[in-house]
Amino acid sequence: MTDTTFLPTLLAAIQSEIINNEAEISALDRAIGDGDHVTNLLRGLEALTKQNDELIQLDWSAAFMKMGMTLMSTMGGASGSLLGSMFVSMGKAAKDPDMDLTAVSTIYSAGVESIKARGKADIGEKTMLDTLIPVMQSLQSDAEQNADKATVLSNMKTAATQGMQSTKDMLATKGRASFLGERARGHIDAGARTSQLILCVIADELSKN
């Protein structure tokens, strides 16, 4: 994996993808959520892009830590706390300067586990974890098999997309959607959708790099 000079390009691509899908995400969130997910996410991304010059001077551990603290302080809402915690945990796990697939899998897994712990949630509960966990499992499997880059990125996108789509028929047990019961079925979770968009952008950008 490349060094942190890759972050400005990556953040710009993520920001663009979220903006391009803003109307859809907002509609998903209004259907079963609080309606503010995309607004909060874009606020966090804007804050991160303002730190580009500083982030590229840092190693991955320090960059992840700074990104996590920034998301916590700027995003607001449950997503800010969860994503902030994810990046801080990734920063703590990113001690190996050699960001090979095994290291990336370990770092990402630490981030996902922190969301599980902080949100007291797991796969199957109609949250962002239904996207994040399948990608974690895909990375772990590919790292064990020493898969090539193209395979890893393709599997990552497939896992993210299938995970996101799986939330449509789920009952929700967390957040506002949990009060809707059966009415939550038929709607994709907004956090699962934005997570899928972000992970697919990361895969696409890494494939170019």
N, C-alpha and C. Protein backbone atom coordinates (compact mmCIF):
# COMPACT_ATOMS: atom_id res chain seq x y z
N MET A 1 0.84 -1.19 0.00
CA MET A 1 0.00 0.00 0.00
C MET A 1 0.87 1.24 0.00
N THR A 2 0.39 2.28 -0.64
CA THR A 2 1.15 3.51 -0.75
C THR A 2 1.23 4.25 0.58
N ASP A 3 2.01 5.34 0.63
CA ASP A 3 2.11 6.10 1.88
C ASP A 3 0.99 7.14 1.95
N THR A 4 1.03 7.98 2.98
CA THR A 4 -0.09 8.89 3.25
C THR A 4 -0.22 10.03 2.23
N THR A 5 0.72 10.19 1.32
CA THR A 5 0.55 11.19 0.27
C THR A 5 -0.62 10.84 -0.65
N PHE A 6 -1.11 9.63 -0.52
CA PHE A 6 -2.26 9.15 -1.28
C PHE A 6 -3.58 9.69 -0.71
N LEU A 7 -3.57 10.17 0.53
CA LEU A 7 -4.81 10.55 1.22
C LEU A 7 -5.59 11.68 0.55
N PRO A 8 -4.97 12.78 0.10
CA PRO A 8 -5.76 13.83 -0.52
C PRO A 8 -6.56 13.36 -1.74
N THR A 9 -5.94 12.55 -2.58
CA THR A 9 -6.64 12.00 -3.74
C THR A 9 -7.79 11.11 -3.30
N LEU A 10 -7.53 10.28 -2.30
CA LEU A 10 -8.55 9.36 -1.81
C LEU A 10 -9.71 10.11 -1.17
N LEU A 11 -9.42 11.08 -0.33
CA LEU A 11 -10.48 11.84 0.33
C LEU A 11 -11.33 12.61 -0.67
N ALA A 12 -10.68 13.16 -1.70
CA ALA A 12 -11.42 13.90 -2.73
C ALA A 12 -12.37 12.96 -3.48
N ALA A 13 -11.90 11.75 -3.77
CA ALA A 13 -12.74 10.78 -4.48
C ALA A 13 -13.92 10.35 -3.63
N ILE A 14 -13.68 10.13 -2.33
CA ILE A 14 -14.76 9.74 -1.42
C ILE A 14 -15.78 10.86 -1.29
N GLN A 15 -15.29 12.06 -1.11
CA GLN A 15 -16.18 13.22 -0.97
C GLN A 15 -17.06 13.37 -2.21
N SER A 16 -16.46 13.24 -3.38
CA SER A 16 -17.20 13.35 -4.64
C SER A 16 -18.27 12.28 -4.75
N GLU A 17 -17.94 11.05 -4.37
CA GLU A 17 -18.89 9.94 -4.46
C GLU A 17 -20.08 10.14 -3.52
N ILE A 18 -19.82 10.62 -2.31
CA ILE A 18 -20.91 10.86 -1.37
C ILE A 18 -21.81 11.99 -1.86
N ILE A 19 -21.21 13.04 -2.39
CA ILE A 19 -22.00 14.16 -2.93
C ILE A 19 -22.84 13.70 -4.10
N ASN A 20 -22.26 12.87 -4.97
CA ASN A 20 -23.00 12.38 -6.13
C ASN A 20 -24.20 11.51 -5.74
N ASN A 21 -24.13 10.91 -4.58
CA ASN A 21 -25.20 10.03 -4.11
C ASN A 21 -25.97 10.62 -2.93
N GLU A 22 -25.81 11.91 -2.73
CA GLU A 22 -26.38 12.56 -1.54
C GLU A 22 -27.91 12.42 -1.48
N ALA A 23 -28.58 12.62 -2.60
CA ALA A 23 -30.04 12.55 -2.60
C ALA A 23 -30.53 11.15 -2.22
N GLU A 24 -29.89 10.13 -2.77
CA GLU A 24 -30.28 8.75 -2.45
C GLU A 24 -30.05 8.43 -0.98
N ILE A 25 -28.88 8.82 -0.47
CA ILE A 25 -28.55 8.53 0.93
C ILE A 25 -29.53 9.24 1.86
N SER A 26 -29.84 10.49 1.55
CA SER A 26 -30.78 11.25 2.38
C SER A 26 -32.15 10.59 2.39
N ALA A 27 -32.59 10.11 1.24
CA ALA A 27 -33.88 9.44 1.17
C ALA A 27 -33.89 8.16 2.00
N LEU A 28 -32.82 7.40 1.93
CA LEU A 28 -32.71 6.19 2.75
C LEU A 28 -32.76 6.53 4.23
N ASP A 29 -32.05 7.58 4.62
CA ASP A 29 -31.97 7.95 6.03
C ASP A 29 -33.29 8.53 6.53
N ARG A 30 -33.98 9.27 5.69
CA ARG A 30 -35.28 9.81 6.11
C ARG A 30 -36.31 8.70 6.29
N ALA A 31 -36.15 7.62 5.52
CA ALA A 31 -37.12 6.53 5.59
C ALA A 31 -37.09 5.82 6.93
N ILE A 32 -35.90 5.59 7.48
CA ILE A 32 -35.83 4.81 8.72
C ILE A 32 -34.85 5.39 9.74
N GLY A 33 -34.23 6.52 9.44
CA GLY A 33 -33.25 7.10 10.36
C GLY A 33 -33.60 8.52 10.76
N ASP A 34 -32.57 9.25 11.16
CA ASP A 34 -32.77 10.62 11.63
C ASP A 34 -32.69 11.65 10.52
N GLY A 35 -32.23 11.24 9.34
CA GLY A 35 -32.19 12.15 8.20
C GLY A 35 -30.97 13.04 8.12
N ASP A 36 -30.02 12.88 9.05
CA ASP A 36 -28.87 13.78 9.08
C ASP A 36 -27.54 13.07 8.79
N HIS A 37 -27.61 11.80 8.41
CA HIS A 37 -26.37 11.02 8.25
C HIS A 37 -25.45 11.61 7.19
N VAL A 38 -25.98 11.91 6.01
CA VAL A 38 -25.11 12.39 4.94
C VAL A 38 -24.57 13.78 5.25
N THR A 39 -25.37 14.61 5.89
CA THR A 39 -24.90 15.95 6.28
C THR A 39 -23.73 15.85 7.23
N ASN A 40 -23.86 14.98 8.23
CA ASN A 40 -22.78 14.80 9.20
C ASN A 40 -21.53 14.22 8.55
N LEU A 41 -21.73 13.26 7.65
CA LEU A 41 -20.60 12.62 6.98
C LEU A 41 -19.84 13.63 6.11
N LEU A 42 -20.57 14.43 5.37
CA LEU A 42 -19.92 15.42 4.51
C LEU A 42 -19.20 16.49 5.34
N ARG A 43 -19.73 16.81 6.50
CA ARG A 43 -19.05 17.75 7.39
C ARG A 43 -17.72 17.17 7.84
N GLY A 44 -17.72 15.88 8.18
CA GLY A 44 -16.49 15.23 8.59
C GLY A 44 -15.47 15.16 7.46
N LEU A 45 -15.94 14.82 6.27
CA LEU A 45 -15.04 14.74 5.12
C LEU A 45 -14.44 16.10 4.78
N GLU A 46 -15.25 17.14 4.89
CA GLU A 46 -14.75 18.49 4.63
C GLU A 46 -13.65 18.85 5.62
N ALA A 47 -13.85 18.49 6.88
CA ALA A 47 -12.83 18.77 7.90
C ALA A 47 -11.54 18.01 7.61
N LEU A 48 -11.67 16.78 7.14
CA LEU A 48 -10.48 15.98 6.82
C LEU A 48 -9.71 16.58 5.65
N THR A 49 -10.43 17.02 4.62
CA THR A 49 -9.75 17.57 3.45
C THR A 49 -8.99 18.85 3.78
N LYS A 50 -9.45 19.57 4.78
CA LYS A 50 -8.76 20.79 5.20
C LYS A 50 -7.43 20.46 5.88
N GLN A 51 -7.25 19.21 6.26
CA GLN A 51 -6.02 18.79 6.94
C GLN A 51 -5.06 18.05 6.01
N ASN A 52 -5.35 18.09 4.71
CA ASN A 52 -4.52 17.34 3.76
C ASN A 52 -3.03 17.59 3.92
N ASP A 53 -2.65 18.86 4.01
CA ASP A 53 -1.23 19.20 4.06
C ASP A 53 -0.56 18.61 5.29
N GLU A 54 -1.31 18.53 6.38
CA GLU A 54 -0.76 17.96 7.61
C GLU A 54 -0.75 16.43 7.55
N LEU A 55 -1.81 15.85 7.03
CA LEU A 55 -1.92 14.40 7.01
C LEU A 55 -0.81 13.74 6.19
N ILE A 56 -0.43 14.36 5.08
CA ILE A 56 0.58 13.75 4.22
C ILE A 56 1.98 13.79 4.84
N GLN A 57 2.15 14.55 5.93
CA GLN A 57 3.43 14.60 6.62
C GLN A 57 3.54 13.51 7.69
N LEU A 58 2.43 12.82 7.94
CA LEU A 58 2.39 11.85 9.03
C LEU A 58 2.55 10.42 8.52
N ASP A 59 2.93 9.52 9.42
CA ASP A 59 2.88 8.10 9.06
C ASP A 59 1.43 7.64 9.22
N TRP A 60 1.14 6.39 8.83
CA TRP A 60 -0.24 5.92 8.84
C TRP A 60 -0.83 5.92 10.24
N SER A 61 -0.06 5.53 11.24
CA SER A 61 -0.58 5.48 12.60
C SER A 61 -1.03 6.86 13.05
N ALA A 62 -0.18 7.85 12.90
CA ALA A 62 -0.52 9.21 13.33
C ALA A 62 -1.64 9.80 12.47
N ALA A 63 -1.63 9.48 11.18
CA ALA A 63 -2.68 10.00 10.29
C ALA A 63 -4.05 9.44 10.67
N PHE A 64 -4.11 8.14 10.91
CA PHE A 64 -5.38 7.54 11.32
C PHE A 64 -5.87 8.14 12.64
N MET A 65 -4.95 8.34 13.58
CA MET A 65 -5.32 8.90 14.88
C MET A 65 -5.89 10.31 14.70
N LYS A 66 -5.22 11.11 13.90
CA LYS A 66 -5.68 12.49 13.69
C LYS A 66 -7.04 12.49 12.98
N MET A 67 -7.20 11.63 11.99
CA MET A 67 -8.47 11.55 11.28
C MET A 67 -9.60 11.14 12.22
N GLY A 68 -9.32 10.20 13.11
CA GLY A 68 -10.32 9.76 14.06
C GLY A 68 -10.75 10.87 15.00
N MET A 69 -9.81 11.60 15.55
CA MET A 69 -10.13 12.70 16.45
C MET A 69 -10.90 13.80 15.73
N THR A 70 -10.54 14.03 14.47
CA THR A 70 -11.23 15.04 13.68
C THR A 70 -12.69 14.65 13.43
N LEU A 71 -12.91 13.40 13.07
CA LEU A 71 -14.28 12.93 12.83
C LEU A 71 -15.11 13.00 14.10
N MET A 72 -14.53 12.65 15.22
CA MET A 72 -15.26 12.72 16.49
C MET A 72 -15.70 14.15 16.79
N SER A 73 -14.83 15.11 16.50
CA SER A 73 -15.10 16.49 16.90
C SER A 73 -15.94 17.27 15.89
N THR A 74 -16.06 16.77 14.66
CA THR A 74 -16.76 17.54 13.63
C THR A 74 -18.05 16.92 13.13
N MET A 75 -18.15 15.60 13.13
CA MET A 75 -19.31 14.96 12.51
C MET A 75 -20.58 15.06 13.35
N GLY A 76 -20.44 14.81 14.64
CA GLY A 76 -21.63 14.76 15.48
C GLY A 76 -22.41 13.49 15.23
N GLY A 77 -23.42 13.25 16.07
CA GLY A 77 -24.26 12.08 15.90
C GLY A 77 -23.53 10.80 16.22
N ALA A 78 -24.25 9.69 16.11
CA ALA A 78 -23.66 8.39 16.42
C ALA A 78 -22.54 8.04 15.45
N SER A 79 -22.70 8.41 14.17
CA SER A 79 -21.69 8.06 13.18
C SER A 79 -20.34 8.70 13.48
N GLY A 80 -20.35 9.93 13.98
CA GLY A 80 -19.10 10.60 14.30
C GLY A 80 -18.33 9.87 15.37
N SER A 81 -19.05 9.45 16.41
CA SER A 81 -18.43 8.69 17.50
C SER A 81 -17.90 7.35 17.01
N LEU A 82 -18.71 6.66 16.19
CA LEU A 82 -18.33 5.33 15.73
C LEU A 82 -17.16 5.38 14.75
N LEU A 83 -17.25 6.26 13.75
CA LEU A 83 -16.18 6.34 12.76
C LEU A 83 -14.91 6.92 13.38
N GLY A 84 -15.07 7.87 14.28
CA GLY A 84 -13.91 8.41 14.98
C GLY A 84 -13.19 7.33 15.75
N SER A 85 -13.96 6.53 16.48
CA SER A 85 -13.39 5.42 17.24
C SER A 85 -12.70 4.42 16.32
N MET A 86 -13.31 4.18 15.16
CA MET A 86 -12.72 3.25 14.21
C MET A 86 -11.32 3.70 13.79
N PHE A 87 -11.19 4.96 13.44
CA PHE A 87 -9.90 5.44 12.95
C PHE A 87 -8.86 5.53 14.07
N VAL A 88 -9.29 5.89 15.27
CA VAL A 88 -8.35 5.91 16.39
C VAL A 88 -7.82 4.51 16.66
N SER A 89 -8.71 3.53 16.63
CA SER A 89 -8.29 2.14 16.84
C SER A 89 -7.38 1.66 15.71
N MET A 90 -7.67 2.08 14.49
CA MET A 90 -6.79 1.73 13.37
C MET A 90 -5.41 2.35 13.56
N GLY A 91 -5.40 3.58 14.07
CA GLY A 91 -4.12 4.23 14.32
C GLY A 91 -3.29 3.49 15.35
N LYS A 92 -3.95 3.00 16.39
CA LYS A 92 -3.24 2.25 17.43
C LYS A 92 -2.70 0.93 16.89
N ALA A 93 -3.41 0.36 15.92
CA ALA A 93 -2.99 -0.93 15.35
C ALA A 93 -1.95 -0.78 14.25
N ALA A 94 -1.80 0.42 13.71
CA ALA A 94 -0.91 0.64 12.54
C ALA A 94 0.52 0.91 12.99
N LYS A 95 1.17 -0.09 13.53
CA LYS A 95 2.53 0.08 14.05
C LYS A 95 3.60 -0.39 13.07
N ASP A 96 3.18 -1.20 12.09
CA ASP A 96 4.14 -1.75 11.14
C ASP A 96 4.24 -0.82 9.93
N PRO A 97 5.41 -0.26 9.66
CA PRO A 97 5.55 0.65 8.51
C PRO A 97 5.31 -0.04 7.17
N ASP A 98 5.43 -1.36 7.15
CA ASP A 98 5.20 -2.11 5.92
C ASP A 98 3.71 -2.44 5.81
N MET A 99 2.97 -1.63 5.04
CA MET A 99 1.52 -1.79 4.95
C MET A 99 1.19 -2.84 3.89
N ASP A 100 1.57 -4.09 4.18
CA ASP A 100 1.20 -5.16 3.27
C ASP A 100 -0.23 -5.61 3.58
N LEU A 101 -0.72 -6.59 2.85
CA LEU A 101 -2.12 -7.00 2.99
C LEU A 101 -2.43 -7.49 4.40
N THR A 102 -1.53 -8.23 4.99
CA THR A 102 -1.75 -8.72 6.35
C THR A 102 -1.89 -7.57 7.33
N ALA A 103 -1.02 -6.57 7.19
CA ALA A 103 -1.09 -5.40 8.07
C ALA A 103 -2.39 -4.62 7.86
N VAL A 104 -2.76 -4.42 6.59
CA VAL A 104 -3.99 -3.70 6.29
C VAL A 104 -5.20 -4.43 6.88
N SER A 105 -5.22 -5.74 6.74
CA SER A 105 -6.31 -6.54 7.29
C SER A 105 -6.38 -6.40 8.80
N THR A 106 -5.24 -6.46 9.46
CA THR A 106 -5.18 -6.34 10.91
C THR A 106 -5.66 -4.97 11.37
N ILE A 107 -5.21 -3.93 10.68
CA ILE A 107 -5.57 -2.55 11.03
C ILE A 107 -7.07 -2.32 10.83
N TYR A 108 -7.57 -2.72 9.68
CA TYR A 108 -9.00 -2.54 9.39
C TYR A 108 -9.85 -3.34 10.39
N SER A 109 -9.43 -4.55 10.70
CA SER A 109 -10.17 -5.38 11.65
C SER A 109 -10.24 -4.72 13.02
N ALA A 110 -9.16 -4.08 13.44
CA ALA A 110 -9.16 -3.38 14.73
C ALA A 110 -10.19 -2.25 14.72
N GLY A 111 -10.28 -1.56 13.59
CA GLY A 111 -11.26 -0.49 13.47
C GLY A 111 -12.69 -1.00 13.53
N VAL A 112 -12.96 -2.07 12.82
CA VAL A 112 -14.31 -2.65 12.81
C VAL A 112 -14.68 -3.17 14.19
N GLU A 113 -13.75 -3.83 14.85
CA GLU A 113 -14.03 -4.35 16.19
C GLU A 113 -14.34 -3.23 17.17
N SER A 114 -13.73 -2.06 16.97
CA SER A 114 -14.01 -0.93 17.87
C SER A 114 -15.44 -0.42 17.66
N ILE A 115 -15.92 -0.45 16.42
CA ILE A 115 -17.31 -0.05 16.15
C ILE A 115 -18.27 -1.04 16.79
N LYS A 116 -17.95 -2.33 16.66
CA LYS A 116 -18.78 -3.35 17.29
C LYS A 116 -18.88 -3.12 18.79
N ALA A 117 -17.75 -2.83 19.41
CA ALA A 117 -17.72 -2.65 20.86
C ALA A 117 -18.44 -1.37 21.28
N ARG A 118 -18.15 -0.27 20.60
CA ARG A 118 -18.75 1.01 20.98
C ARG A 118 -20.24 1.03 20.69
N GLY A 119 -20.64 0.46 19.57
CA GLY A 119 -22.06 0.47 19.20
C GLY A 119 -22.84 -0.69 19.77
N LYS A 120 -22.14 -1.61 20.46
CA LYS A 120 -22.78 -2.81 21.01
C LYS A 120 -23.64 -3.48 19.94
N ALA A 121 -23.05 -3.66 18.77
CA ALA A 121 -23.78 -4.21 17.62
C ALA A 121 -22.92 -5.22 16.90
N ASP A 122 -23.57 -5.97 15.99
CA ASP A 122 -22.86 -6.97 15.21
C ASP A 122 -23.57 -7.10 13.87
N ILE A 123 -23.06 -7.98 13.05
CA ILE A 123 -23.66 -8.19 11.74
C ILE A 123 -25.10 -8.69 11.90
N GLY A 124 -25.97 -8.28 10.97
CA GLY A 124 -27.36 -8.72 11.00
C GLY A 124 -28.31 -7.78 11.71
N GLU A 125 -27.82 -6.59 12.11
CA GLU A 125 -28.67 -5.66 12.85
C GLU A 125 -29.01 -4.39 12.07
N LYS A 126 -28.79 -4.43 10.77
CA LYS A 126 -29.17 -3.32 9.87
C LYS A 126 -28.41 -2.04 10.21
N THR A 127 -27.08 -2.15 10.22
CA THR A 127 -26.22 -0.99 10.46
C THR A 127 -25.06 -1.01 9.47
N MET A 128 -24.16 -0.05 9.63
CA MET A 128 -22.96 0.00 8.78
C MET A 128 -22.11 -1.26 8.92
N LEU A 129 -22.25 -1.96 10.06
CA LEU A 129 -21.46 -3.18 10.27
C LEU A 129 -21.82 -4.27 9.26
N ASP A 130 -23.01 -4.22 8.70
CA ASP A 130 -23.39 -5.22 7.71
C ASP A 130 -22.61 -5.05 6.41
N THR A 131 -22.02 -3.89 6.22
CA THR A 131 -21.06 -3.67 5.13
C THR A 131 -19.63 -3.89 5.60
N LEU A 132 -19.30 -3.34 6.76
CA LEU A 132 -17.92 -3.36 7.24
C LEU A 132 -17.42 -4.75 7.59
N ILE A 133 -18.26 -5.56 8.23
CA ILE A 133 -17.81 -6.88 8.67
C ILE A 133 -17.53 -7.83 7.51
N PRO A 134 -18.41 -7.92 6.49
CA PRO A 134 -18.06 -8.79 5.36
C PRO A 134 -16.75 -8.40 4.68
N VAL A 135 -16.45 -7.11 4.62
CA VAL A 135 -15.18 -6.68 4.04
C VAL A 135 -14.03 -7.11 4.94
N MET A 136 -14.21 -7.00 6.24
CA MET A 136 -13.19 -7.48 7.19
C MET A 136 -12.91 -8.97 6.97
N GLN A 137 -13.97 -9.74 6.84
CA GLN A 137 -13.82 -11.18 6.64
C GLN A 137 -13.16 -11.48 5.30
N SER A 138 -13.49 -10.70 4.28
CA SER A 138 -12.88 -10.88 2.96
C SER A 138 -11.38 -10.59 3.01
N LEU A 139 -11.01 -9.50 3.67
CA LEU A 139 -9.60 -9.14 3.78
C LEU A 139 -8.83 -10.19 4.57
N GLN A 140 -9.42 -10.67 5.65
CA GLN A 140 -8.75 -11.70 6.45
C GLN A 140 -8.52 -12.96 5.64
N SER A 141 -9.53 -13.36 4.90
CA SER A 141 -9.41 -14.57 4.08
C SER A 141 -8.36 -14.41 2.98
N ASP A 142 -8.38 -13.24 2.32
CA ASP A 142 -7.42 -13.01 1.24
C ASP A 142 -6.00 -12.87 1.77
N ALA A 143 -5.86 -12.32 2.97
CA ALA A 143 -4.52 -12.22 3.57
C ALA A 143 -3.97 -13.60 3.88
N GLU A 144 -4.84 -14.48 4.40
CA GLU A 144 -4.42 -15.85 4.71
C GLU A 144 -3.99 -16.60 3.45
N GLN A 145 -4.66 -16.29 2.33
CA GLN A 145 -4.37 -16.98 1.08
C GLN A 145 -3.35 -16.25 0.22
N ASN A 146 -2.86 -15.11 0.74
CA ASN A 146 -1.88 -14.30 0.01
C ASN A 146 -2.37 -13.99 -1.40
N ALA A 147 -3.63 -13.55 -1.49
CA ALA A 147 -4.25 -13.25 -2.78
C ALA A 147 -3.58 -12.05 -3.45
N ASP A 148 -3.67 -11.99 -4.77
CA ASP A 148 -3.09 -10.85 -5.49
C ASP A 148 -3.99 -9.63 -5.33
N LYS A 149 -3.41 -8.48 -5.65
CA LYS A 149 -4.08 -7.20 -5.42
C LYS A 149 -5.43 -7.11 -6.13
N ALA A 150 -5.50 -7.50 -7.36
CA ALA A 150 -6.74 -7.41 -8.13
C ALA A 150 -7.85 -8.25 -7.48
N THR A 151 -7.49 -9.42 -7.03
CA THR A 151 -8.45 -10.30 -6.37
C THR A 151 -8.94 -9.70 -5.06
N VAL A 152 -8.01 -9.18 -4.28
CA VAL A 152 -8.36 -8.57 -2.99
C VAL A 152 -9.35 -7.43 -3.18
N LEU A 153 -9.07 -6.56 -4.13
CA LEU A 153 -9.92 -5.38 -4.33
C LEU A 153 -11.28 -5.76 -4.91
N SER A 154 -11.30 -6.73 -5.80
CA SER A 154 -12.57 -7.21 -6.35
C SER A 154 -13.43 -7.86 -5.27
N ASN A 155 -12.81 -8.69 -4.44
CA ASN A 155 -13.53 -9.35 -3.35
C ASN A 155 -14.04 -8.34 -2.33
N MET A 156 -13.24 -7.31 -2.10
CA MET A 156 -13.61 -6.25 -1.18
C MET A 156 -14.89 -5.54 -1.65
N LYS A 157 -14.94 -5.20 -2.92
CA LYS A 157 -16.11 -4.53 -3.47
C LYS A 157 -17.34 -5.43 -3.45
N THR A 158 -17.15 -6.69 -3.78
CA THR A 158 -18.27 -7.64 -3.76
C THR A 158 -18.82 -7.80 -2.35
N ALA A 159 -17.93 -7.95 -1.38
CA ALA A 159 -18.35 -8.12 0.01
C ALA A 159 -19.10 -6.89 0.51
N ALA A 160 -18.58 -5.70 0.18
CA ALA A 160 -19.23 -4.47 0.61
C ALA A 160 -20.62 -4.33 0.00
N THR A 161 -20.74 -4.61 -1.28
CA THR A 161 -22.02 -4.44 -1.97
C THR A 161 -23.04 -5.47 -1.51
N GLN A 162 -22.63 -6.71 -1.38
CA GLN A 162 -23.57 -7.73 -0.91
C GLN A 162 -23.99 -7.47 0.53
N GLY A 163 -23.05 -7.02 1.35
CA GLY A 163 -23.37 -6.69 2.73
C GLY A 163 -24.37 -5.56 2.82
N MET A 164 -24.14 -4.50 2.05
CA MET A 164 -25.06 -3.37 2.03
C MET A 164 -26.45 -3.80 1.60
N GLN A 165 -26.53 -4.58 0.52
CA GLN A 165 -27.82 -5.01 0.00
C GLN A 165 -28.57 -5.91 0.98
N SER A 166 -27.82 -6.63 1.82
CA SER A 166 -28.46 -7.54 2.77
C SER A 166 -29.29 -6.80 3.81
N THR A 167 -29.01 -5.51 4.03
CA THR A 167 -29.74 -4.77 5.06
C THR A 167 -31.18 -4.49 4.64
N LYS A 168 -31.48 -4.60 3.37
CA LYS A 168 -32.82 -4.24 2.90
C LYS A 168 -33.92 -5.04 3.58
N ASP A 169 -33.71 -6.32 3.77
CA ASP A 169 -34.75 -7.18 4.32
C ASP A 169 -34.60 -7.44 5.82
N MET A 170 -33.68 -6.71 6.45
CA MET A 170 -33.46 -6.91 7.88
C MET A 170 -34.40 -6.07 8.74
N LEU A 171 -34.68 -6.57 9.93
CA LEU A 171 -35.25 -5.74 10.99
C LEU A 171 -34.10 -4.98 11.64
N ALA A 172 -34.37 -3.78 12.12
CA ALA A 172 -33.34 -2.98 12.78
C ALA A 172 -33.44 -3.17 14.29
N THR A 173 -32.30 -3.22 14.94
CA THR A 173 -32.28 -3.34 16.41
C THR A 173 -31.56 -2.17 17.06
N LYS A 174 -31.02 -1.25 16.24
CA LYS A 174 -30.27 -0.12 16.78
C LYS A 174 -30.84 1.19 16.23
N GLY A 175 -30.75 2.25 17.02
CA GLY A 175 -31.12 3.57 16.55
C GLY A 175 -32.63 3.75 16.34
N ARG A 176 -32.96 4.84 15.68
CA ARG A 176 -34.36 5.18 15.45
C ARG A 176 -35.09 4.08 14.68
N ALA A 177 -34.39 3.44 13.74
CA ALA A 177 -35.02 2.41 12.91
C ALA A 177 -35.55 1.25 13.74
N SER A 178 -34.97 1.05 14.93
CA SER A 178 -35.39 -0.10 15.76
C SER A 178 -36.83 0.06 16.25
N PHE A 179 -37.34 1.29 16.26
CA PHE A 179 -38.70 1.53 16.72
C PHE A 179 -39.74 1.26 15.63
N LEU A 180 -39.28 1.05 14.41
CA LEU A 180 -40.20 0.89 13.29
C LEU A 180 -40.66 -0.54 13.08
N GLY A 181 -39.97 -1.49 13.70
CA GLY A 181 -40.38 -2.88 13.54
C GLY A 181 -40.35 -3.31 12.08
N GLU A 182 -41.44 -3.94 11.66
CA GLU A 182 -41.53 -4.46 10.30
C GLU A 182 -41.45 -3.36 9.24
N ARG A 183 -41.78 -2.14 9.61
CA ARG A 183 -41.74 -1.04 8.63
C ARG A 183 -40.33 -0.71 8.18
N ALA A 184 -39.34 -1.18 8.93
CA ALA A 184 -37.95 -0.95 8.52
C ALA A 184 -37.53 -1.87 7.38
N ARG A 185 -38.25 -2.97 7.20
CA ARG A 185 -37.92 -3.87 6.09
C ARG A 185 -38.19 -3.16 4.76
N GLY A 186 -37.40 -3.54 3.76
CA GLY A 186 -37.57 -2.95 2.44
C GLY A 186 -36.74 -1.71 2.21
N HIS A 187 -35.99 -1.30 3.24
CA HIS A 187 -35.14 -0.11 3.14
C HIS A 187 -33.70 -0.49 3.44
N ILE A 188 -32.78 -0.08 2.59
CA ILE A 188 -31.35 -0.26 2.85
C ILE A 188 -30.92 0.74 3.91
N ASP A 189 -30.07 0.31 4.83
CA ASP A 189 -29.57 1.20 5.86
C ASP A 189 -28.62 2.24 5.26
N ALA A 190 -28.83 3.50 5.63
CA ALA A 190 -28.03 4.59 5.05
C ALA A 190 -26.55 4.45 5.40
N GLY A 191 -26.25 4.05 6.63
CA GLY A 191 -24.85 3.87 7.02
C GLY A 191 -24.18 2.73 6.29
N ALA A 192 -24.95 1.67 6.02
CA ALA A 192 -24.41 0.56 5.23
C ALA A 192 -24.13 1.01 3.81
N ARG A 193 -25.00 1.87 3.28
CA ARG A 193 -24.82 2.37 1.91
C ARG A 193 -23.61 3.29 1.81
N THR A 194 -23.45 4.23 2.73
CA THR A 194 -22.29 5.12 2.64
C THR A 194 -21.00 4.33 2.88
N SER A 195 -21.04 3.35 3.76
CA SER A 195 -19.85 2.51 3.98
C SER A 195 -19.48 1.77 2.70
N GLN A 196 -20.49 1.26 2.01
CA GLN A 196 -20.24 0.55 0.75
C GLN A 196 -19.66 1.49 -0.30
N LEU A 197 -20.21 2.67 -0.42
CA LEU A 197 -19.70 3.64 -1.39
C LEU A 197 -18.23 3.97 -1.10
N ILE A 198 -17.93 4.21 0.17
CA ILE A 198 -16.57 4.58 0.57
C ILE A 198 -15.59 3.44 0.31
N LEU A 199 -15.95 2.23 0.69
CA LEU A 199 -15.06 1.09 0.51
C LEU A 199 -14.83 0.79 -0.97
N CYS A 200 -15.87 0.96 -1.78
CA CYS A 200 -15.70 0.72 -3.22
C CYS A 200 -14.82 1.79 -3.86
N VAL A 201 -14.93 3.03 -3.40
CA VAL A 201 -14.05 4.09 -3.89
C VAL A 201 -12.61 3.79 -3.50
N ILE A 202 -12.40 3.36 -2.26
CA ILE A 202 -11.04 3.02 -1.82
C ILE A 202 -10.45 1.92 -2.71
N ALA A 203 -11.26 0.90 -2.99
CA ALA A 203 -10.79 -0.20 -3.85
C ALA A 203 -10.45 0.31 -5.24
N ASP A 204 -11.31 1.16 -5.79
CA ASP A 204 -11.07 1.70 -7.14
C ASP A 204 -9.80 2.55 -7.18
N GLU A 205 -9.63 3.38 -6.17
CA GLU A 205 -8.45 4.26 -6.15
C GLU A 205 -7.16 3.46 -5.94
N LEU A 206 -7.23 2.43 -5.12
CA LEU A 206 -6.05 1.58 -4.92
C LEU A 206 -5.70 0.81 -6.19
N SER A 207 -6.71 0.46 -6.97
CA SER A 207 -6.45 -0.27 -8.21
C SER A 207 -5.69 0.60 -9.22
N LYS A 208 -5.84 1.91 -9.11
CA LYS A 208 -5.14 2.84 -10.00
C LYS A 208 -3.72 3.09 -9.53
N ASN A 209 -3.49 2.89 -8.24
CA ASN A 209 -2.25 3.36 -7.62
C ASN A 209 -1.14 2.30 -7.74
